[in-house]
PDB file of N, CA and C in Angstrom:
ATOM      1  N   MET A   1      20.153  12.603 -11.810  1.00  0.00           N
ATOM      2  CA  MET A   1      18.673  12.534 -11.768  1.00  0.00           C
ATOM      3  C   MET A   1      17.910  12.933 -10.332  1.00  0.00           C
ATOM      4  N   TYR A   2      19.288  11.962  -8.960  1.00  0.00           N
ATOM      5  CA  TYR A   2      18.383  12.509  -7.899  1.00  0.00           C
ATOM      6  C   TYR A   2      18.033  14.006  -7.334  1.00  0.00           C
ATOM      7  N   ASP A   3      19.563  14.292  -7.993  1.00  0.00           N
ATOM      8  CA  ASP A   3      19.448  15.389  -7.248  1.00  0.00           C
ATOM      9  C   ASP A   3      18.507  16.551  -7.694  1.00  0.00           C
ATOM     10  N   ILE A   4      17.749  16.308  -9.134  1.00  0.00           N
ATOM     11  CA  ILE A   4      17.373  17.412  -9.794  1.00  0.00           C
ATOM     12  C   ILE A   4      15.587  17.005  -9.226  1.00  0.00           C
ATOM     13  N   PHE A   5      15.100  15.638  -9.118  1.00  0.00           N
ATOM     14  CA  PHE A   5      14.017  15.323  -8.111  1.00  0.00           C
ATOM     15  C   PHE A   5      14.016  16.187  -6.710  1.00  0.00           C
ATOM     16  N   ARG A   6      15.336  15.881  -6.117  1.00  0.00           N
ATOM     17  CA  ARG A   6      15.273  16.330  -4.728  1.00  0.00           C
ATOM     18  C   ARG A   6      15.107  17.524  -4.183  1.00  0.00           C
ATOM     19  N   ILE A   7      15.324  17.947  -5.437  1.00  0.00           N
ATOM     20  CA  ILE A   7      15.331  20.026  -5.300  1.00  0.00           C
ATOM     21  C   ILE A   7      13.962  19.842  -5.912  1.00  0.00           C
ATOM     22  N   PHE A   8      13.331  19.470  -6.405  1.00  0.00           N
ATOM     23  CA  PHE A   8      11.797  19.440  -6.770  1.00  0.00           C
ATOM     24  C   PHE A   8      11.367  18.608  -5.655  1.00  0.00           C
ATOM     25  N   SER A   9      10.835  18.268  -5.154  1.00  0.00           N
ATOM     26  CA  SER A   9      10.513  17.313  -3.825  1.00  0.00           C
ATOM     27  C   SER A   9      10.281  18.566  -2.624  1.00  0.00           C
ATOM     28  N   SER A  10      11.742  19.311  -3.015  1.00  0.00           N
ATOM     29  CA  SER A  10      11.945  20.232  -1.365  1.00  0.00           C
ATOM     30  C   SER A  10      10.987  21.386  -1.880  1.00  0.00           C
ATOM     31  N   THR A  11      11.565  22.443  -2.841  1.00  0.00           N
ATOM     32  CA  THR A  11      10.339  23.306  -3.739  1.00  0.00           C
ATOM     33  C   THR A  11       9.135  22.969  -3.634  1.00  0.00           C
ATOM     34  N   LEU A  12       8.552  21.992  -3.483  1.00  0.00           N
ATOM     35  CA  LEU A  12       6.621  21.463  -3.797  1.00  0.00           C
ATOM     36  C   LEU A  12       6.352  21.280  -2.307  1.00  0.00           C
ATOM     37  N   ARG A  13       7.230  20.756  -1.281  1.00  0.00           N
ATOM     38  CA  ARG A  13       6.601  20.396   0.119  1.00  0.00           C
ATOM     39  C   ARG A  13       7.252  21.888   0.574  1.00  0.00           C
ATOM     40  N   ASP A  14       8.160  22.811   0.277  1.00  0.00           N
ATOM     41  CA  ASP A  14       8.204  24.021   1.027  1.00  0.00           C
ATOM     42  C   ASP A  14       7.137  25.006   0.172  1.00  0.00           C
ATOM     43  N   GLN A  15       6.856  25.174  -1.246  1.00  0.00           N
ATOM     44  CA  GLN A  15       5.164  26.447  -1.741  1.00  0.00           C
ATOM     45  C   GLN A  15       4.283  25.275  -1.533  1.00  0.00           C
ATOM     46  N   ALA A  16       4.020  24.291  -2.264  1.00  0.00           N
ATOM     47  CA  ALA A  16       2.620  24.286  -2.392  1.00  0.00           C
ATOM     48  C   ALA A  16       1.914  23.487  -1.589  1.00  0.00           C
ATOM     49  N   PHE A  17       1.807  23.408  -0.884  1.00  0.00           N
ATOM     50  CA  PHE A  17       1.597  23.047   0.564  1.00  0.00           C
ATOM     51  C   PHE A  17       1.157  23.610   1.561  1.00  0.00           C
ATOM     52  N   SER A  18      -0.203  24.116   1.855  1.00  0.00           N
ATOM     53  CA  SER A  18      -0.619  25.592   2.864  1.00  0.00           C
ATOM     54  C   SER A  18      -0.066  24.943   4.688  1.00  0.00           C
ATOM     55  N   ASN A  19      -0.081  26.072   5.340  1.00  0.00           N
ATOM     56  CA  ASN A  19       0.065  25.464   6.256  1.00  0.00           C
ATOM     57  C   ASN A  19      -0.718  25.140   7.267  1.00  0.00           C
ATOM     58  N   PRO A  20      -1.456  23.787   7.265  1.00  0.00           N
ATOM     59  CA  PRO A  20      -2.668  22.480   7.659  1.00  0.00           C
ATOM     60  C   PRO A  20      -3.388  23.303   9.031  1.00  0.00           C
ATOM     61  N   PHE A  21      -2.502  23.890   9.873  1.00  0.00           N
ATOM     62  CA  PHE A  21      -2.878  24.531  11.207  1.00  0.00           C
ATOM     63  C   PHE A  21      -3.477  25.946  10.611  1.00  0.00           C
ATOM     64  N   GLU A  22      -3.435  26.884   9.809  1.00  0.00           N
ATOM     65  CA  GLU A  22      -3.523  28.238   9.562  1.00  0.00           C
ATOM     66  C   GLU A  22      -5.276  27.612   9.326  1.00  0.00           C
ATOM     67  N   TYR A  23      -6.104  26.261   8.976  1.00  0.00           N
ATOM     68  CA  TYR A  23      -7.370  25.751   9.372  1.00  0.00           C
ATOM     69  C   TYR A  23      -7.802  26.103  10.261  1.00  0.00           C
ATOM     70  N   ALA A  24      -6.899  25.735  11.582  1.00  0.00           N
ATOM     71  CA  ALA A  24      -7.318  24.801  13.272  1.00  0.00           C
ATOM     72  C   ALA A  24      -7.327  26.357  14.050  1.00  0.00           C
ATOM     73  N   THR A  25      -7.135  27.268  13.765  1.00  0.00           N
ATOM     74  CA  THR A  25      -7.378  29.026  14.396  1.00  0.00           C
ATOM     75  C   THR A  25      -6.901  29.577  13.706  1.00  0.00           C
ATOM     76  N   ASN A  26      -7.345  31.074  14.604  1.00  0.00           N
ATOM     77  CA  ASN A  26      -7.290  32.315  13.939  1.00  0.00           C
ATOM     78  C   ASN A  26      -6.201  33.120  14.406  1.00  0.00           C
ATOM     79  N   ASN A  27      -5.817  32.709  15.124  1.00  0.00           N
ATOM     80  CA  ASN A  27      -4.400  32.833  15.632  1.00  0.00           C
ATOM     81  C   ASN A  27      -3.140  32.312  14.384  1.00  0.00           C
ATOM     82  N   GLN A  28      -2.873  33.354  13.584  1.00  0.00           N
ATOM     83  CA  GLN A  28      -1.279  33.244  13.141  1.00  0.00           C
ATOM     84  C   GLN A  28      -0.191  32.635  13.204  1.00  0.00           C
ATOM     85  N   LEU A  29      -0.370  33.237  14.772  1.00  0.00           N
ATOM     86  CA  LEU A  29       1.580  33.421  15.097  1.00  0.00           C
ATOM     87  C   LEU A  29       1.005  31.831  15.676  1.00  0.00           C
ATOM     88  N   LEU A  30       0.307  31.152  16.747  1.00  0.00           N
ATOM     89  CA  LEU A  30       0.354  29.688  16.955  1.00  0.00           C
ATOM     90  C   LEU A  30       0.630  28.602  15.861  1.00  0.00           C
ATOM     91  N   ALA A  31      -0.617  29.492  13.998  1.00  0.00           N
ATOM     92  CA  ALA A  31      -0.460  28.196  13.107  1.00  0.00           C
ATOM     93  C   ALA A  31       1.139  27.956  12.494  1.00  0.00           C
ATOM     94  N   ILE A  32       1.638  29.258  12.245  1.00  0.00           N
ATOM     95  CA  ILE A  32       2.971  29.239  12.274  1.00  0.00           C
ATOM     96  C   ILE A  32       4.089  28.590  13.272  1.00  0.00           C
ATOM     97  N   TRP A  33       3.576  29.039  14.617  1.00  0.00           N
ATOM     98  CA  TRP A  33       4.680  28.092  15.296  1.00  0.00           C
ATOM     99  C   TRP A  33       4.246  27.095  15.560  1.00  0.00           C
ATOM    100  N   LEU A  34       3.012  26.094  15.274  1.00  0.00           N
ATOM    101  CA  LEU A  34       2.333  24.913  15.593  1.00  0.00           C
ATOM    102  C   LEU A  34       3.274  24.131  14.245  1.00  0.00           C
ATOM    103  N   PHE A  35       2.939  24.926  12.897  1.00  0.00           N
ATOM    104  CA  PHE A  35       3.588  23.908  12.014  1.00  0.00           C
ATOM    105  C   PHE A  35       5.043  24.052  11.975  1.00  0.00           C
ATOM    106  N   SER A  36       5.393  24.805  12.722  1.00  0.00           N
ATOM    107  CA  SER A  36       7.389  25.585  12.724  1.00  0.00           C
ATOM    108  C   SER A  36       7.818  23.952  13.782  1.00  0.00           C
ATOM    109  N   PHE A  37       7.270  23.974  14.728  1.00  0.00           N
ATOM    110  CA  PHE A  37       7.859  22.923  15.774  1.00  0.00           C
ATOM    111  C   PHE A  37       6.786  21.187  15.026  1.00  0.00           C
ATOM    112  N   PHE A  38       5.681  21.304  14.792  1.00  0.00           N
ATOM    113  CA  PHE A  38       5.561  20.222  14.451  1.00  0.00           C
ATOM    114  C   PHE A  38       5.902  20.003  13.270  1.00  0.00           C
ATOM    115  N   GLY A  39       5.940  20.366  12.301  1.00  0.00           N
ATOM    116  CA  GLY A  39       6.759  20.089  10.843  1.00  0.00           C
ATOM    117  C   GLY A  39       8.216  20.522  10.377  1.00  0.00           C
ATOM    118  N   THR A  40       9.365  20.726  11.520  1.00  0.00           N
ATOM    119  CA  THR A  40      10.339  20.162  11.583  1.00  0.00           C
ATOM    120  C   THR A  40      10.349  19.418  12.547  1.00  0.00           C
ATOM    121  N   THR A  41       9.209  18.585  13.672  1.00  0.00           N
ATOM    122  CA  THR A  41      10.244  17.611  14.037  1.00  0.00           C
ATOM    123  C   THR A  41       9.474  16.182  13.544  1.00  0.00           C
ATOM    124  N   MET A  42       8.013  16.317  13.938  1.00  0.00           N
ATOM    125  CA  MET A  42       6.975  15.132  13.504  1.00  0.00           C
ATOM    126  C   MET A  42       6.420  14.623  12.144  1.00  0.00           C
ATOM    127  N   LEU A  43       6.368  16.096  11.244  1.00  0.00           N
ATOM    128  CA  LEU A  43       5.911  16.173  10.151  1.00  0.00           C
ATOM    129  C   LEU A  43       6.824  15.682   8.913  1.00  0.00           C
ATOM    130  N   LYS A  44       7.966  15.624   9.005  1.00  0.00           N
ATOM    131  CA  LYS A  44       9.052  15.298   8.082  1.00  0.00           C
ATOM    132  C   LYS A  44       9.669  13.762   8.903  1.00  0.00           C
ATOM    133  N   GLU A  45       9.650  13.658   9.876  1.00  0.00           N
ATOM    134  CA  GLU A  45       9.637  11.987  10.633  1.00  0.00           C
ATOM    135  C   GLU A  45       9.074  11.064  10.199  1.00  0.00           C
ATOM    136  N   ILE A  46       7.281  11.750  10.437  1.00  0.00           N
ATOM    137  CA  ILE A  46       6.983  10.231  10.094  1.00  0.00           C
ATOM    138  C   ILE A  46       6.291   9.977   8.424  1.00  0.00           C
ATOM    139  N   PRO A  47       6.952  10.864   7.613  1.00  0.00           N
ATOM    140  CA  PRO A  47       6.779   9.996   6.419  1.00  0.00           C
ATOM    141  C   PRO A  47       7.649   9.194   5.568  1.00  0.00           C
ATOM    142  N   PHE A  48       9.093  10.033   6.651  1.00  0.00           N
ATOM    143  CA  PHE A  48      10.019   8.958   6.417  1.00  0.00           C
ATOM    144  C   PHE A  48       9.949   7.680   7.225  1.00  0.00           C
ATOM    145  N   LYS A  49       9.332   7.433   7.983  1.00  0.00           N
ATOM    146  CA  LYS A  49       9.550   6.081   8.785  1.00  0.00           C
ATOM    147  C   LYS A  49       8.256   5.610   7.515  1.00  0.00           C
ATOM    148  N   MET A  50       7.319   6.674   7.357  1.00  0.00           N
ATOM    149  CA  MET A  50       6.532   5.255   6.008  1.00  0.00           C
ATOM    150  C   MET A  50       7.253   4.746   5.504  1.00  0.00           C
ATOM    151  N   CYS A  51       7.540   5.467   4.765  1.00  0.00           N
ATOM    152  CA  CYS A  51       8.277   5.426   3.475  1.00  0.00           C
ATOM    153  C   CYS A  51       9.608   3.816   3.211  1.00  0.00           C
ATOM    154  N   GLY A  52      10.003   4.312   4.919  1.00  0.00           N
ATOM    155  CA  GLY A  52      11.284   2.812   5.249  1.00  0.00           C
ATOM    156  C   GLY A  52      10.834   1.971   5.501  1.00  0.00           C
ATOM    157  N   VAL A  53       9.475   1.752   5.563  1.00  0.00           N
ATOM    158  CA  VAL A  53       7.965   0.561   5.623  1.00  0.00           C
ATOM    159  C   VAL A  53       8.473  -0.535   4.387  1.00  0.00           C
ATOM    160  N   PHE A  54       8.724   0.085   3.292  1.00  0.00           N
ATOM    161  CA  PHE A  54       8.819  -0.412   1.864  1.00  0.00           C
ATOM    162  C   PHE A  54      10.709  -0.064   1.631  1.00  0.00           C
ATOM    163  N   TYR A  55      11.112   1.316   1.659  1.00  0.00           N
ATOM    164  CA  TYR A  55      12.783   1.344   1.655  1.00  0.00           C
ATOM    165  C   TYR A  55      13.889   1.036   2.139  1.00  0.00           C
ATOM    166  N   LYS A  56      14.794   0.875   1.534  1.00  0.00           N
ATOM    167  CA  LYS A  56      16.274   0.604   2.378  1.00  0.00           C
ATOM    168  C   LYS A  56      17.045   1.091   2.196  1.00  0.00           C
ATOM    169  N   ARG A  57      17.564   2.157   2.941  1.00  0.00           N
ATOM    170  CA  ARG A  57      18.107   3.415   2.757  1.00  0.00           C
ATOM    171  C   ARG A  57      19.585   3.163   2.288  1.00  0.00           C
ATOM    172  N   GLY A  58      19.530   4.403   1.019  1.00  0.00           N
ATOM    173  CA  GLY A  58      20.715   4.102   0.403  1.00  0.00           C
ATOM    174  C   GLY A  58      20.696   3.078  -1.059  1.00  0.00           C
ATOM    175  N   SER A  59      19.278   1.786  -0.856  1.00  0.00           N
ATOM    176  CA  SER A  59      19.616   1.398  -2.491  1.00  0.00           C
ATOM    177  C   SER A  59      19.018   1.654  -3.414  1.00  0.00           C
ATOM    178  N   ASN A  60      18.490   3.162  -2.965  1.00  0.00           N
ATOM    179  CA  ASN A  60      18.010   3.800  -4.627  1.00  0.00           C
ATOM    180  C   ASN A  60      17.535   4.939  -4.267  1.00  0.00           C
ATOM    181  N   LYS A  61      18.411   5.811  -3.903  1.00  0.00           N
ATOM    182  CA  LYS A  61      17.624   7.488  -3.703  1.00  0.00           C
ATOM    183  C   LYS A  61      16.753   8.403  -4.149  1.00  0.00           C
ATOM    184  N   LEU A  62      16.487   8.175  -5.879  1.00  0.00           N
ATOM    185  CA  LEU A  62      15.178   8.121  -6.265  1.00  0.00           C
ATOM    186  C   LEU A  62      14.252   7.748  -5.812  1.00  0.00           C
ATOM    187  N   LEU A  63      13.627   6.901  -5.777  1.00  0.00           N
ATOM    188  CA  LEU A  63      12.630   5.797  -5.711  1.00  0.00           C
ATOM    189  C   LEU A  63      12.433   5.868  -4.037  1.00  0.00           C
ATOM    190  N   GLY A  64      13.455   6.088  -3.129  1.00  0.00           N
ATOM    191  CA  GLY A  64      13.735   7.001  -1.752  1.00  0.00           C
ATOM    192  C   GLY A  64      12.799   8.073  -1.423  1.00  0.00           C
ATOM    193  N   SER A  65      13.581   9.168  -2.485  1.00  0.00           N
ATOM    194  CA  SER A  65      13.378  10.637  -2.096  1.00  0.00           C
ATOM    195  C   SER A  65      11.484  10.558  -2.924  1.00  0.00           C
ATOM    196  N   PHE A  66      11.060   9.586  -4.368  1.00  0.00           N
ATOM    197  CA  PHE A  66       9.431   9.837  -4.720  1.00  0.00           C
ATOM    198  C   PHE A  66       8.832   9.233  -3.515  1.00  0.00           C
ATOM    199  N   GLY A  67       8.861   7.704  -2.973  1.00  0.00           N
ATOM    200  CA  GLY A  67       8.318   7.141  -1.985  1.00  0.00           C
ATOM    201  C   GLY A  67       8.384   8.396  -0.268  1.00  0.00           C
ATOM    202  N   TYR A  68       8.924   9.511   0.239  1.00  0.00           N
ATOM    203  CA  TYR A  68       8.564  10.398   0.936  1.00  0.00           C
ATOM    204  C   TYR A  68       7.989  11.520   0.617  1.00  0.00           C
ATOM    205  N   LEU A  69       8.428  11.817  -0.917  1.00  0.00           N
ATOM    206  CA  LEU A  69       7.361  13.105  -1.179  1.00  0.00           C
ATOM    207  C   LEU A  69       6.085  12.482  -1.372  1.00  0.00           C
ATOM    208  N   PHE A  70       5.802  11.120  -1.821  1.00  0.00           N
ATOM    209  CA  PHE A  70       4.975  10.341  -1.591  1.00  0.00           C
ATOM    210  C   PHE A  70       3.158  10.613  -0.423  1.00  0.00           C
ATOM    211  N   PHE A  71       4.690  10.172   0.742  1.00  0.00           N
ATOM    212  CA  PHE A  71       4.135   9.855   2.027  1.00  0.00           C
ATOM    213  C   PHE A  71       3.892  11.402   2.299  1.00  0.00           C
ATOM    214  N   TYR A  72       5.030  12.120   2.256  1.00  0.00           N
ATOM    215  CA  TYR A  72       4.352  13.506   2.993  1.00  0.00           C
ATOM    216  C   TYR A  72       3.353  13.874   2.522  1.00  0.00           C
ATOM    217  N   CYS A  73       2.742  13.970   1.351  1.00  0.00           N
ATOM    218  CA  CYS A  73       1.942  14.346   0.179  1.00  0.00           C
ATOM    219  C   CYS A  73       0.605  13.800   0.938  1.00  0.00           C
ATOM    220  N   ILE A  74       0.466  12.569   1.501  1.00  0.00           N
ATOM    221  CA  ILE A  74      -0.656  12.271   1.915  1.00  0.00           C
ATOM    222  C   ILE A  74      -0.798  12.239   3.267  1.00  0.00           C
ATOM    223  N   ASN A  75       0.555  12.720   4.250  1.00  0.00           N
ATOM    224  CA  ASN A  75      -0.043  12.994   5.689  1.00  0.00           C
ATOM    225  C   ASN A  75      -0.585  14.482   5.510  1.00  0.00           C
ATOM    226  N   ILE A  76       0.305  15.068   4.768  1.00  0.00           N
ATOM    227  CA  ILE A  76       0.087  16.744   4.815  1.00  0.00           C
ATOM    228  C   ILE A  76      -1.590  16.726   4.249  1.00  0.00           C
ATOM    229  N   GLN A  77      -1.829  16.428   3.362  1.00  0.00           N
ATOM    230  CA  GLN A  77      -3.365  16.491   2.983  1.00  0.00           C
ATOM    231  C   GLN A  77      -4.292  15.999   4.226  1.00  0.00           C
ATOM    232  N   VAL A  78      -3.739  14.965   4.539  1.00  0.00           N
ATOM    233  CA  VAL A  78      -4.963  14.072   5.888  1.00  0.00           C
ATOM    234  C   VAL A  78      -5.022  15.465   7.018  1.00  0.00           C
ATOM    235  N   LEU A  79      -4.155  15.863   7.645  1.00  0.00           N
ATOM    236  CA  LEU A  79      -4.184  16.915   8.281  1.00  0.00           C
ATOM    237  C   LEU A  79      -4.543  18.446   8.110  1.00  0.00           C
ATOM    238  N   ILE A  80      -4.156  18.856   6.957  1.00  0.00           N
ATOM    239  CA  ILE A  80      -5.296  19.838   6.372  1.00  0.00           C
ATOM    240  C   ILE A  80      -6.515  19.716   6.372  1.00  0.00           C
ATOM    241  N   LYS A  81      -6.952  18.701   5.807  1.00  0.00           N
ATOM    242  CA  LYS A  81      -8.689  18.238   5.752  1.00  0.00           C
ATOM    243  C   LYS A  81      -8.693  17.846   7.154  1.00  0.00           C
ATOM    244  N   LEU A  82      -8.292  17.413   8.464  1.00  0.00           N
ATOM    245  CA  LEU A  82      -9.313  17.298   9.753  1.00  0.00           C
ATOM    246  C   LEU A  82      -9.128  18.728  10.533  1.00  0.00           C
ATOM    247  N   CYS A  83      -7.939  19.187  10.380  1.00  0.00           N
ATOM    248  CA  CYS A  83      -8.032  20.513  10.453  1.00  0.00           C
ATOM    249  C   CYS A  83      -9.114  21.398   9.998  1.00  0.00           C
ATOM    250  N   GLN A  84      -8.751  21.584   8.475  1.00  0.00           N
ATOM    251  CA  GLN A  84     -10.602  21.995   7.945  1.00  0.00           C
ATOM    252  C   GLN A  84     -11.559  21.338   8.545  1.00  0.00           C
ATOM    253  N   TRP A  85     -12.100  20.255   9.134  1.00  0.00           N
ATOM    254  CA  TRP A  85     -13.010  19.899   9.343  1.00  0.00           C
ATOM    255  C   TRP A  85     -13.664  19.588  10.592  1.00  0.00           C
ATOM    256  N   THR A  86     -12.294  20.426  11.837  1.00  0.00           N
ATOM    257  CA  THR A  86     -12.686  20.124  13.264  1.00  0.00           C
ATOM    258  C   THR A  86     -11.930  21.514  13.220  1.00  0.00           C
ATOM    259  N   GLN A  87     -12.495  22.569  14.102  1.00  0.00           N
ATOM    260  CA  GLN A  87     -11.672  23.452  14.733  1.00  0.00           C
ATOM    261  C   GLN A  87     -11.038  23.879  15.808  1.00  0.00           C
ATOM    262  N   ASP A  88     -10.996  22.083  16.348  1.00  0.00           N
ATOM    263  CA  ASP A  88     -10.090  21.478  17.522  1.00  0.00           C
ATOM    264  C   ASP A  88      -9.121  21.201  17.491  1.00  0.00           C
ATOM    265  N   LEU A  89      -8.456  22.408  17.537  1.00  0.00           N
ATOM    266  CA  LEU A  89      -6.709  21.847  17.458  1.00  0.00           C
ATOM    267  C   LEU A  89      -6.139  20.064  18.005  1.00  0.00           C
ATOM    268  N   TYR A  90      -7.119  20.046  19.160  1.00  0.00           N
ATOM    269  CA  TYR A  90      -6.312  18.713  19.678  1.00  0.00           C
ATOM    270  C   TYR A  90      -7.229  17.632  19.149  1.00  0.00           C
ATOM    271  N   LEU A  91      -7.933  18.094  19.198  1.00  0.00           N
ATOM    272  CA  LEU A  91      -8.754  16.736  18.345  1.00  0.00           C
ATOM    273  C   LEU A  91      -8.385  16.038  16.479  1.00  0.00           C
ATOM    274  N   ALA A  92      -7.856  17.184  16.221  1.00  0.00           N
ATOM    275  CA  ALA A  92      -7.578  16.842  14.617  1.00  0.00           C
ATOM    276  C   ALA A  92      -5.785  16.386  14.931  1.00  0.00           C
ATOM    277  N   ILE A  93      -5.073  16.540  16.099  1.00  0.00           N
ATOM    278  CA  ILE A  93      -4.152  16.181  16.084  1.00  0.00           C
ATOM    279  C   ILE A  93      -4.111  14.651  16.621  1.00  0.00           C
ATOM    280  N   SER A  94      -5.428  14.521  17.717  1.00  0.00           N
ATOM    281  CA  SER A  94      -5.548  12.988  18.095  1.00  0.00           C
ATOM    282  C   SER A  94      -6.111  12.410  17.271  1.00  0.00           C
ATOM    283  N   LEU A  95      -6.778  12.852  15.956  1.00  0.00           N
ATOM    284  CA  LEU A  95      -7.222  12.060  14.438  1.00  0.00           C
ATOM    285  C   LEU A  95      -6.301  11.599  14.020  1.00  0.00           C
ATOM    286  N   TYR A  96      -5.693  12.704  13.603  1.00  0.00           N
ATOM    287  CA  TYR A  96      -3.966  12.196  13.044  1.00  0.00           C
ATOM    288  C   TYR A  96      -3.271  11.418  13.383  1.00  0.00           C
ATOM    289  N   MET A  97      -2.927  11.505  14.972  1.00  0.00           N
ATOM    290  CA  MET A  97      -1.864  10.569  15.301  1.00  0.00           C
ATOM    291  C   MET A  97      -2.712   8.936  15.297  1.00  0.00           C
ATOM    292  N   VAL A  98      -3.980   9.018  15.296  1.00  0.00           N
ATOM    293  CA  VAL A  98      -4.736   7.475  15.067  1.00  0.00           C
ATOM    294  C   VAL A  98      -5.045   7.380  14.003  1.00  0.00           C
ATOM    295  N   PHE A  99      -5.016   7.943  12.534  1.00  0.00           N
ATOM    296  CA  PHE A  99      -4.381   7.851  10.924  1.00  0.00           C
ATOM    297  C   PHE A  99      -3.105   7.515  10.764  1.00  0.00           C
ATOM    298  N   VAL A 100      -1.960   8.235  11.615  1.00  0.00           N
ATOM    299  CA  VAL A 100      -0.805   7.556  11.480  1.00  0.00           C
ATOM    300  C   VAL A 100      -0.589   5.883  11.968  1.00  0.00           C
ATOM    301  N   ILE A 101      -1.511   5.857  12.940  1.00  0.00           N
ATOM    302  CA  ILE A 101      -1.183   4.283  13.500  1.00  0.00           C
ATOM    303  C   ILE A 101      -1.811   3.458  12.628  1.00  0.00           C
ATOM    304  N   VAL A 102      -3.154   3.425  12.405  1.00  0.00           N
ATOM    305  CA  VAL A 102      -3.666   2.809  11.238  1.00  0.00           C
ATOM    306  C   VAL A 102      -2.872   2.791   9.874  1.00  0.00           C
ATOM    307  N   MET A 103      -2.793   3.997   9.550  1.00  0.00           N
ATOM    308  CA  MET A 103      -1.321   3.641   8.088  1.00  0.00           C
ATOM    309  C   MET A 103      -0.600   2.930   8.838  1.00  0.00           C
ATOM    310  N   PHE A 104       0.581   3.178   9.505  1.00  0.00           N
ATOM    311  CA  PHE A 104       1.993   1.972   9.865  1.00  0.00           C
ATOM    312  C   PHE A 104       1.252   0.338  10.256  1.00  0.00           C
ATOM    313  N   ILE A 105      -0.035   0.469  10.610  1.00  0.00           N
ATOM    314  CA  ILE A 105      -0.312  -1.104  10.675  1.00  0.00           C
ATOM    315  C   ILE A 105      -0.769  -1.277   9.289  1.00  0.00           C
ATOM    316  N   THR A 106      -1.458  -0.735   8.547  1.00  0.00           N
ATOM    317  CA  THR A 106      -2.092  -1.321   7.040  1.00  0.00           C
ATOM    318  C   THR A 106      -0.313  -1.388   6.201  1.00  0.00           C
ATOM    319  N   LEU A 107       0.605  -0.293   6.120  1.00  0.00           N
ATOM    320  CA  LEU A 107       2.089  -0.726   5.893  1.00  0.00           C
ATOM    321  C   LEU A 107       2.075  -1.641   6.114  1.00  0.00           C
ATOM    322  N   HIS A 108       2.579  -2.275   6.953  1.00  0.00           N
ATOM    323  CA  HIS A 108       3.629  -3.005   7.739  1.00  0.00           C
ATOM    324  C   HIS A 108       2.618  -4.584   7.137  1.00  0.00           C
ATOM    325  N   LYS A 109       1.636  -4.987   7.311  1.00  0.00           N
ATOM    326  CA  LYS A 109       0.939  -6.016   6.836  1.00  0.00           C
ATOM    327  C   LYS A 109       0.399  -5.925   5.332  1.00  0.00           C
ATOM    328  N   ILE A 110       0.612  -4.731   4.154  1.00  0.00           N
ATOM    329  CA  ILE A 110       1.114  -4.386   2.804  1.00  0.00           C
ATOM    330  C   ILE A 110       2.105  -5.569   2.470  1.00  0.00           C
ATOM    331  N   LYS A 111       3.062  -5.102   3.513  1.00  0.00           N
ATOM    332  CA  LYS A 111       4.772  -5.448   3.194  1.00  0.00           C
ATOM    333  C   LYS A 111       4.505  -6.659   3.533  1.00  0.00           C
ATOM    334  N   ASN A 112       4.410  -7.558   4.232  1.00  0.00           N
ATOM    335  CA  ASN A 112       4.041  -8.869   4.978  1.00  0.00           C
ATOM    336  C   ASN A 112       3.215  -9.764   3.822  1.00  0.00           C
ATOM    337  N   ILE A 113       2.068  -8.973   3.071  1.00  0.00           N
ATOM    338  CA  ILE A 113       1.278  -9.998   2.129  1.00  0.00           C
ATOM    339  C   ILE A 113       2.510  -9.820   1.109  1.00  0.00           C
ATOM    340  N   ILE A 114       3.401  -8.766   0.405  1.00  0.00           N
ATOM    341  CA  ILE A 114       3.945  -8.308  -0.660  1.00  0.00           C
ATOM    342  C   ILE A 114       5.333 -10.146  -0.759  1.00  0.00           C
ATOM    343  N   LYS A 115       5.869  -9.882   1.132  1.00  0.00           N
ATOM    344  CA  LYS A 115       6.650 -10.598   1.209  1.00  0.00           C
ATOM    345  C   LYS A 115       6.574 -12.092   1.224  1.00  0.00           C
ATOM    346  N   GLN A 116       5.211 -12.095   1.654  1.00  0.00           N
ATOM    347  CA  GLN A 116       4.759 -13.804   1.273  1.00  0.00           C
ATOM    348  C   GLN A 116       4.262 -13.917   0.153  1.00  0.00           C
ATOM    349  N   ASN A 117       4.343 -13.681  -0.790  1.00  0.00           N
ATOM    350  CA  ASN A 117       3.912 -14.082  -2.453  1.00  0.00           C
ATOM    351  C   ASN A 117       4.944 -13.775  -3.016  1.00  0.00           C
ATOM    352  N   ILE A 118       5.993 -12.897  -2.281  1.00  0.00           N
ATOM    353  CA  ILE A 118       7.585 -12.620  -3.896  1.00  0.00           C
ATOM    354  C   ILE A 118       8.496 -14.014  -3.285  1.00  0.00           C
ATOM    355  N   ILE A 119       8.356 -14.259  -2.269  1.00  0.00           N
ATOM    356  CA  ILE A 119       9.729 -15.245  -1.392  1.00  0.00           C
ATOM    357  C   ILE A 119       8.872 -16.599  -1.487  1.00  0.00           C
TER     358      ILE A 119
END
């Protein structure tokens, strides 16, 4: 089941979502380069770390893969909306970084609340 979902998740991430930077710049080469650089490093690592707040590696691969897809979708949609909202690439990335920081703080608070109520 995990392998099927992993293939579905990978296909969805690669095909269903547009390049968020194409909304921030008219230069297609720059948009592709930014997504290649940012997408292969930061945009894959941030959702992985967000998922890791709740998921322990190796415990349930299907759940981990679903969590990663969930957080990837949230991050890519926020980045697309920010790039559509402003044509200033630096502002969009800065606001995205603020979003990421707030998201991590919120996720850790939620984890602590859940931990206190369960234990």
